[in-house]
Amino acid sequence: MTPKDRMRRALYHEPIDHIPTQINYTNAFGKTMAAHFGVSLEQLPDFLGNHMVRVDIHHDGRLSDDGKVRFDWWGVGFDTQEEGYFAAINPLAEAQDLDLYHWPDPQASDLLQDAQETIANRGKQYFIVPNLGFALFERAWSLRGFEQFLLDMASDPSYAGALLDRVTEIQLALIHRYLDIGVDGGYFGDDYGSQMNLLFSPRMWRTLIKPRLAGLFTPFKERGLPVIMHSDGQIQQILPDLLEIGLTTLNPVQPEVLDHAWLREQYGDRLSFYGGISTQTVLPFGTAGEVEATVSEVIHALAPEGTGLIIAPSHRMMSDIPMENVAVMLAAFRQLSH
């Protein structure tokens, strides 16, 4: 099987020759791994045995004069000194009039040129998905500010809804363009939970987020393509809703938050899973033996029938993870194909 075939079948609980694997990482840690393993950054995903390739819009990002902030396509300024994502500048923090904001153009002619090249070069072998991270709620709060948008949701839901509608409209235009160039499914990122609970009430999520998210899932479902979603935190209360609107695969199946045995028991025949190996505990702080054991434990808990799982670190790996643990995990992944 090609990685594409294996991914497609695993997402739908169909028989496969072995569990597909995926290792994602920050740019900084990617450079560390490439140097350690003696490969180029371009060669690294194949060296790691990745099955999925995420494509993105073509946008270089404008730097602030001091180089400390990089502005993304939407106009949000992210701190360049952070390895992850920290929205340092929220362009709608002080602005209420959405008509005055300079919204990005999803129909720009060169926007998907990199994605088209990737599909042409790698699409026959690998499972290609558009990177729709910061899909809806996260995009709204990154524009408005996290605390301010939570306040908007509670005190001014009509404004919050109008902002979410603007985001939805642009994302939908991008989605249709991605589908037209031949992606294999949808990949969304939108975090709704903290370590202990949802960031807002289920009712608020169902009112403001769910119908718009359903609209983003629909074009993929209409073409018979899977929908993968990354959503951090304790989102147990809304899992039935995500299934209802068409979710195929849940990521990151974070073990500190969602019990794997419970997930398999409740949703194993209706959801497939992607992730499972903790970047919060076992990878940065575990022993080599614990990392190796965790790979087996995740497969046993989430894919006892040998399918329905893409095993992976729960999040992008960062520089707090020892290279020894990366090497052990990679060796365990490679054993799956033997």
Protein backbone atom coordinates (compact mmCIF):
# COMPACT_ATOMS: atom_id res chain seq x y z
CA MET A 1 0.00 0.00 0.00
CA THR A 2 1.09 3.58 -0.57
CA PRO A 3 0.93 5.96 2.40
CA LYS A 4 -2.14 7.52 0.74
CA ASP A 5 -3.94 4.16 0.48
CA ARG A 6 -3.03 3.23 4.05
CA MET A 7 -4.27 6.56 5.40
CA ARG A 8 -7.55 6.44 3.49
CA ARG A 9 -8.31 2.95 4.70
CA ALA A 10 -7.25 3.56 8.31
CA LEU A 11 -9.50 6.62 8.58
CA TYR A 12 -12.51 4.43 7.77
CA HIS A 13 -11.53 1.37 9.84
CA GLU A 14 -10.78 -0.69 6.74
CA PRO A 15 -8.10 -3.44 6.73
CA ILE A 16 -4.52 -2.21 6.28
CA ASP A 17 -1.05 -3.77 6.24
CA HIS A 18 0.12 -1.71 9.23
CA ILE A 19 -0.83 1.34 11.30
CA PRO A 20 0.09 4.62 9.54
CA THR A 21 2.38 7.02 11.38
CA GLN A 22 2.87 10.77 11.43
CA ILE A 23 5.38 13.02 13.21
CA ASN A 24 4.80 16.78 13.14
CA TYR A 25 7.17 19.33 14.64
CA THR A 26 7.93 23.02 15.00
CA ASN A 27 10.33 24.66 12.58
CA ALA A 28 12.97 24.94 15.30
CA PHE A 29 12.75 21.29 16.29
CA GLY A 30 12.66 20.22 12.65
CA LYS A 31 16.10 21.81 12.20
CA THR A 32 17.35 19.97 15.30
CA MET A 33 16.06 16.62 14.05
CA ALA A 34 17.39 17.11 10.52
CA ALA A 35 20.87 17.87 11.87
CA HIS A 36 20.72 14.92 14.29
CA PHE A 37 19.64 12.39 11.67
CA GLY A 38 21.81 13.82 8.90
CA VAL A 39 19.05 14.67 6.45
CA SER A 40 17.81 17.89 4.91
CA LEU A 41 14.68 19.65 6.13
CA GLU A 42 13.04 18.70 2.82
CA GLN A 43 13.92 15.03 3.34
CA LEU A 44 12.86 14.94 6.99
CA PRO A 45 9.12 14.07 6.58
CA ASP A 46 9.96 11.06 4.40
CA PHE A 47 12.77 10.00 6.73
CA LEU A 48 10.27 10.05 9.61
CA GLY A 49 7.82 7.91 7.64
CA ASN A 50 5.04 10.47 7.49
CA HIS A 51 1.88 9.53 5.61
CA MET A 52 0.11 12.86 5.46
CA VAL A 53 1.16 16.16 3.88
CA ARG A 54 -0.57 19.39 4.86
CA VAL A 55 -0.64 22.13 2.25
CA ASP A 56 -1.14 25.79 3.01
CA ILE A 57 -1.72 29.09 1.30
CA HIS A 58 1.20 30.90 -0.33
CA HIS A 59 1.98 33.79 2.01
CA ASP A 60 5.40 34.86 3.27
CA GLY A 61 4.16 36.99 6.16
CA ARG A 62 5.26 40.56 6.85
CA LEU A 63 7.74 41.14 9.67
CA SER A 64 7.55 44.08 12.06
CA ASP A 65 10.41 46.57 11.88
CA ASP A 66 12.11 44.99 14.90
CA GLY A 67 11.55 41.45 13.59
CA LYS A 68 9.72 40.38 16.73
CA VAL A 69 6.30 39.95 15.10
CA ARG A 70 5.29 38.19 11.90
CA PHE A 71 1.89 39.04 10.43
CA ASP A 72 -0.06 36.19 8.91
CA TRP A 73 -2.42 36.27 5.92
CA TRP A 74 -5.29 37.43 8.13
CA GLY A 75 -3.31 40.31 9.64
CA VAL A 76 -2.68 38.74 13.05
CA GLY A 77 0.80 39.36 14.47
CA PHE A 78 2.51 36.32 15.98
CA ASP A 79 5.54 36.54 18.27
CA THR A 80 8.59 35.28 16.37
CA GLN A 81 10.46 34.58 19.62
CA GLU A 82 7.99 31.85 20.62
CA GLU A 83 8.40 28.31 19.32
CA GLY A 84 4.64 27.82 19.26
CA TYR A 85 1.89 30.31 18.50
CA PHE A 86 1.44 33.47 20.53
CA ALA A 87 -0.79 36.12 19.00
CA ALA A 88 0.96 39.32 20.06
CA ILE A 89 -1.12 41.67 17.91
CA ASN A 90 -4.88 41.28 17.48
CA PRO A 91 -5.89 43.68 14.70
CA LEU A 92 -9.57 43.84 15.69
CA ALA A 93 -8.91 44.37 19.40
CA GLU A 94 -10.11 47.97 19.28
CA ALA A 95 -12.28 47.78 16.16
CA GLN A 96 -15.98 46.97 16.13
CA ASP A 97 -16.77 47.81 12.49
CA LEU A 98 -16.05 44.69 10.48
CA ASP A 99 -16.71 46.50 7.20
CA LEU A 100 -13.66 48.70 7.74
CA TYR A 101 -11.22 45.81 8.17
CA HIS A 102 -9.00 44.82 5.24
CA TRP A 103 -10.02 41.18 4.87
CA PRO A 104 -7.76 38.80 2.94
CA ASP A 105 -8.83 37.78 -0.56
CA PRO A 106 -9.43 34.00 -0.79
CA GLN A 107 -9.66 34.26 -4.59
CA ALA A 108 -6.16 35.70 -5.09
CA SER A 109 -4.66 33.97 -8.13
CA ASP A 110 -1.35 32.81 -6.63
CA LEU A 111 -2.71 31.74 -3.24
CA LEU A 112 -2.62 27.97 -3.86
CA GLN A 113 0.39 27.75 -6.17
CA ASP A 114 2.50 25.91 -3.56
CA ALA A 115 -0.37 23.53 -2.78
CA GLN A 116 -0.83 22.73 -6.46
CA GLU A 117 2.87 21.96 -6.86
CA THR A 118 2.80 19.68 -3.81
CA ILE A 119 -0.22 17.79 -5.10
CA ALA A 120 1.41 17.40 -8.52
CA ASN A 121 4.68 16.12 -7.03
CA ARG A 122 3.46 14.09 -4.04
CA GLY A 123 -0.25 13.56 -4.44
CA LYS A 124 -0.07 10.06 -5.91
CA GLN A 125 1.94 8.74 -2.99
CA TYR A 126 0.84 10.77 0.04
CA PHE A 127 -2.45 11.80 1.66
CA ILE A 128 -2.81 15.54 1.05
CA VAL A 129 -4.96 17.80 3.23
CA PRO A 130 -5.34 21.58 3.45
CA ASN A 131 -4.06 23.06 6.68
CA LEU A 132 -7.16 24.82 8.00
CA GLY A 133 -5.70 25.54 11.40
CA PHE A 134 -7.18 28.40 13.44
CA ALA A 135 -10.28 27.44 11.51
CA LEU A 136 -13.08 29.33 13.23
CA PHE A 137 -13.12 30.13 16.96
CA GLU A 138 -9.32 30.40 17.07
CA ARG A 139 -9.29 32.66 14.04
CA ALA A 140 -11.94 34.91 15.58
CA TRP A 141 -10.12 35.24 18.89
CA SER A 142 -6.75 35.75 17.20
CA LEU A 143 -8.26 38.71 15.35
CA ARG A 144 -10.11 40.11 18.34
CA GLY A 145 -8.02 38.95 21.32
CA PHE A 146 -8.70 35.83 23.39
CA GLU A 147 -10.32 37.41 26.45
CA GLN A 148 -12.16 40.01 24.39
CA PHE A 149 -13.72 37.45 22.07
CA LEU A 150 -14.86 35.32 25.00
CA LEU A 151 -16.51 38.45 26.37
CA ASP A 152 -18.07 39.10 22.95
CA MET A 153 -19.52 35.59 22.88
CA ALA A 154 -21.17 36.17 26.25
CA SER A 155 -22.17 39.83 26.09
CA ASP A 156 -22.50 40.60 22.38
CA PRO A 157 -23.28 37.32 20.58
CA SER A 158 -24.58 39.13 17.49
CA TYR A 159 -21.16 40.74 16.97
CA ALA A 160 -19.38 37.46 17.74
CA GLY A 161 -21.61 35.73 15.21
CA ALA A 162 -20.94 38.38 12.59
CA LEU A 163 -17.18 37.97 13.04
CA LEU A 164 -17.49 34.17 12.83
CA ASP A 165 -19.55 34.57 9.66
CA ARG A 166 -16.78 36.62 8.05
CA VAL A 167 -14.25 33.93 8.93
CA THR A 168 -16.56 31.16 7.70
CA GLU A 169 -17.13 32.88 4.35
CA ILE A 170 -13.39 33.19 3.68
CA GLN A 171 -12.62 29.65 4.85
CA LEU A 172 -15.39 28.24 2.65
CA ALA A 173 -13.97 29.98 -0.40
CA LEU A 174 -10.55 28.48 0.36
CA ILE A 175 -12.06 25.04 0.96
CA HIS A 176 -13.75 24.97 -2.45
CA ARG A 177 -10.51 26.00 -4.13
CA TYR A 178 -8.57 23.27 -2.26
CA LEU A 179 -11.15 20.69 -3.31
CA ASP A 180 -10.89 21.78 -6.93
CA ILE A 181 -7.13 21.16 -6.97
CA GLY A 182 -7.54 17.65 -5.55
CA VAL A 183 -6.94 17.38 -1.80
CA ASP A 184 -7.79 14.03 -0.18
CA GLY A 185 -9.76 15.30 2.80
CA GLY A 186 -10.13 18.16 5.25
CA TYR A 187 -7.85 18.98 8.16
CA PHE A 188 -9.18 21.50 10.68
CA GLY A 189 -7.66 22.92 13.83
CA ASP A 190 -9.85 24.70 16.39
CA ASP A 191 -9.27 24.33 20.13
CA TYR A 192 -12.35 24.40 22.36
CA GLY A 193 -11.09 22.97 25.62
CA SER A 194 -8.76 23.57 28.51
CA GLN A 195 -7.11 20.75 30.41
CA MET A 196 -10.21 20.35 32.60
CA ASN A 197 -13.25 21.53 30.64
CA LEU A 198 -14.61 23.45 27.67
CA LEU A 199 -13.64 27.10 27.38
CA PHE A 200 -17.35 28.00 27.23
CA SER A 201 -20.66 26.28 27.80
CA PRO A 202 -21.79 23.54 25.41
CA ARG A 203 -24.86 25.64 24.67
CA MET A 204 -22.69 28.61 23.62
CA TRP A 205 -20.60 26.33 21.39
CA ARG A 206 -23.72 24.82 19.84
CA THR A 207 -25.17 28.25 19.16
CA LEU A 208 -22.15 30.11 17.80
CA ILE A 209 -19.64 27.50 16.58
CA LYS A 210 -21.42 24.28 15.63
CA PRO A 211 -23.58 25.46 12.71
CA ARG A 212 -20.69 27.35 11.13
CA LEU A 213 -18.28 24.45 11.62
CA ALA A 214 -20.86 22.14 10.05
CA GLY A 215 -20.83 24.45 7.04
CA LEU A 216 -17.05 24.07 6.75
CA PHE A 217 -17.26 20.27 6.97
CA THR A 218 -20.04 19.99 4.39
CA PRO A 219 -18.05 20.44 1.14
CA PHE A 220 -15.75 17.56 2.10
CA LYS A 221 -18.63 15.30 3.14
CA GLU A 222 -20.50 16.07 -0.11
CA ARG A 223 -17.50 14.75 -2.05
CA GLY A 224 -17.21 11.66 0.13
CA LEU A 225 -13.95 12.82 1.70
CA PRO A 226 -12.91 12.41 5.35
CA VAL A 227 -12.78 15.24 7.87
CA ILE A 228 -9.91 15.26 10.38
CA MET A 229 -10.07 17.72 13.26
CA HIS A 230 -7.51 18.78 15.83
CA SER A 231 -9.17 20.14 18.95
CA ASP A 232 -7.23 20.35 22.19
CA GLY A 233 -8.51 19.89 25.67
CA GLN A 234 -11.48 18.34 27.43
CA ILE A 235 -14.12 18.38 24.68
CA GLN A 236 -15.94 15.24 25.77
CA GLN A 237 -19.30 17.02 26.01
CA ILE A 238 -19.35 18.02 22.35
CA LEU A 239 -17.98 14.84 20.76
CA PRO A 240 -21.51 13.68 19.84
CA ASP A 241 -22.07 17.02 18.12
CA LEU A 242 -18.84 16.72 16.13
CA LEU A 243 -19.89 13.27 15.00
CA GLU A 244 -23.31 14.59 14.06
CA ILE A 245 -21.87 17.24 11.73
CA GLY A 246 -19.55 14.81 9.99
CA LEU A 247 -16.27 14.38 11.85
CA THR A 248 -14.33 11.32 10.66
CA THR A 249 -11.13 11.49 12.70
CA LEU A 250 -10.31 13.06 16.07
CA ASN A 251 -6.91 14.54 16.90
CA PRO A 252 -4.91 14.79 19.21
CA VAL A 253 -6.56 12.18 21.51
CA GLN A 254 -4.52 13.77 24.28
CA PRO A 255 -4.07 11.08 26.96
CA GLU A 256 -3.99 13.54 29.87
CA VAL A 257 -7.44 14.75 28.90
CA LEU A 258 -9.40 12.08 27.01
CA ASP A 259 -9.13 8.53 28.32
CA HIS A 260 -8.19 6.24 25.44
CA ALA A 261 -10.10 3.22 26.69
CA TRP A 262 -13.23 5.34 27.11
CA LEU A 263 -12.82 6.85 23.64
CA ARG A 264 -12.51 3.45 22.05
CA GLU A 265 -15.48 2.06 23.97
CA GLN A 266 -17.75 5.01 23.21
CA TYR A 267 -16.67 5.98 19.71
CA GLY A 268 -14.35 3.30 18.34
CA ASP A 269 -16.76 2.18 15.63
CA ARG A 270 -17.78 5.72 14.65
CA LEU A 271 -14.55 7.73 14.91
CA SER A 272 -10.99 7.04 13.91
CA PHE A 273 -8.16 8.56 15.91
CA TYR A 274 -4.96 10.45 15.13
CA GLY A 275 -2.26 11.11 17.73
CA GLY A 276 -2.16 9.59 21.19
CA ILE A 277 1.50 9.83 22.27
CA SER A 278 1.81 12.63 24.80
CA THR A 279 4.02 15.62 24.06
CA GLN A 280 3.14 16.87 27.54
CA THR A 281 4.52 13.98 29.58
CA VAL A 282 6.02 10.85 28.05
CA LEU A 283 7.96 12.34 25.12
CA PRO A 284 9.67 15.21 27.00
CA PHE A 285 10.02 13.51 30.39
CA GLY A 286 9.66 9.74 29.92
CA THR A 287 12.41 7.17 29.71
CA ALA A 288 13.23 5.41 26.47
CA GLY A 289 11.43 2.34 27.79
CA GLU A 290 8.34 4.37 28.62
CA VAL A 291 8.26 5.87 25.14
CA GLU A 292 8.54 2.44 23.54
CA ALA A 293 5.83 1.02 25.81
CA THR A 294 3.52 3.95 25.09
CA VAL A 295 3.53 3.23 21.35
CA SER A 296 2.25 -0.29 22.05
CA GLU A 297 -0.26 0.94 24.64
CA VAL A 298 -1.78 3.52 22.30
CA ILE A 299 -2.20 0.96 19.52
CA HIS A 300 -3.73 -1.57 21.91
CA ALA A 301 -6.16 1.01 23.33
CA LEU A 302 -7.21 2.79 20.15
CA ALA A 303 -6.66 0.25 17.37
CA PRO A 304 -7.04 -3.28 18.77
CA GLU A 305 -8.23 -4.45 15.35
CA GLY A 306 -5.18 -2.99 13.61
CA THR A 307 -6.91 -0.06 11.92
CA GLY A 308 -8.76 3.16 12.73
CA LEU A 309 -5.65 4.96 14.01
CA ILE A 310 -2.88 7.21 12.74
CA ILE A 311 -0.37 6.94 15.56
CA ALA A 312 1.52 10.15 16.24
CA PRO A 313 2.71 12.53 18.91
CA SER A 314 -0.33 14.31 20.29
CA HIS A 315 0.95 17.72 19.12
CA ARG A 316 3.80 19.17 17.11
CA MET A 317 7.02 18.14 18.80
CA MET A 318 9.01 20.98 20.35
CA SER A 319 12.54 21.49 21.59
CA ASP A 320 11.87 20.16 25.10
CA ILE A 321 11.85 16.57 23.75
CA PRO A 322 15.17 14.67 24.01
CA MET A 323 16.46 13.30 20.73
CA GLU A 324 16.86 9.88 22.38
CA ASN A 325 13.10 9.71 22.85
CA VAL A 326 12.48 10.76 19.25
CA ALA A 327 14.82 8.00 18.05
CA VAL A 328 13.08 5.39 20.23
CA MET A 329 9.64 6.42 19.00
CA LEU A 330 10.81 6.41 15.39
CA ALA A 331 12.29 2.92 15.80
CA ALA A 332 9.00 1.70 17.30
CA PHE A 333 7.09 3.23 14.39
CA ARG A 334 9.36 1.51 11.87
CA GLN A 335 8.79 -1.84 13.57
CA LEU A 336 5.08 -1.55 12.74
CA SER A 337 5.83 -2.17 9.06
CA HIS A 338 7.81 -5.35 9.71
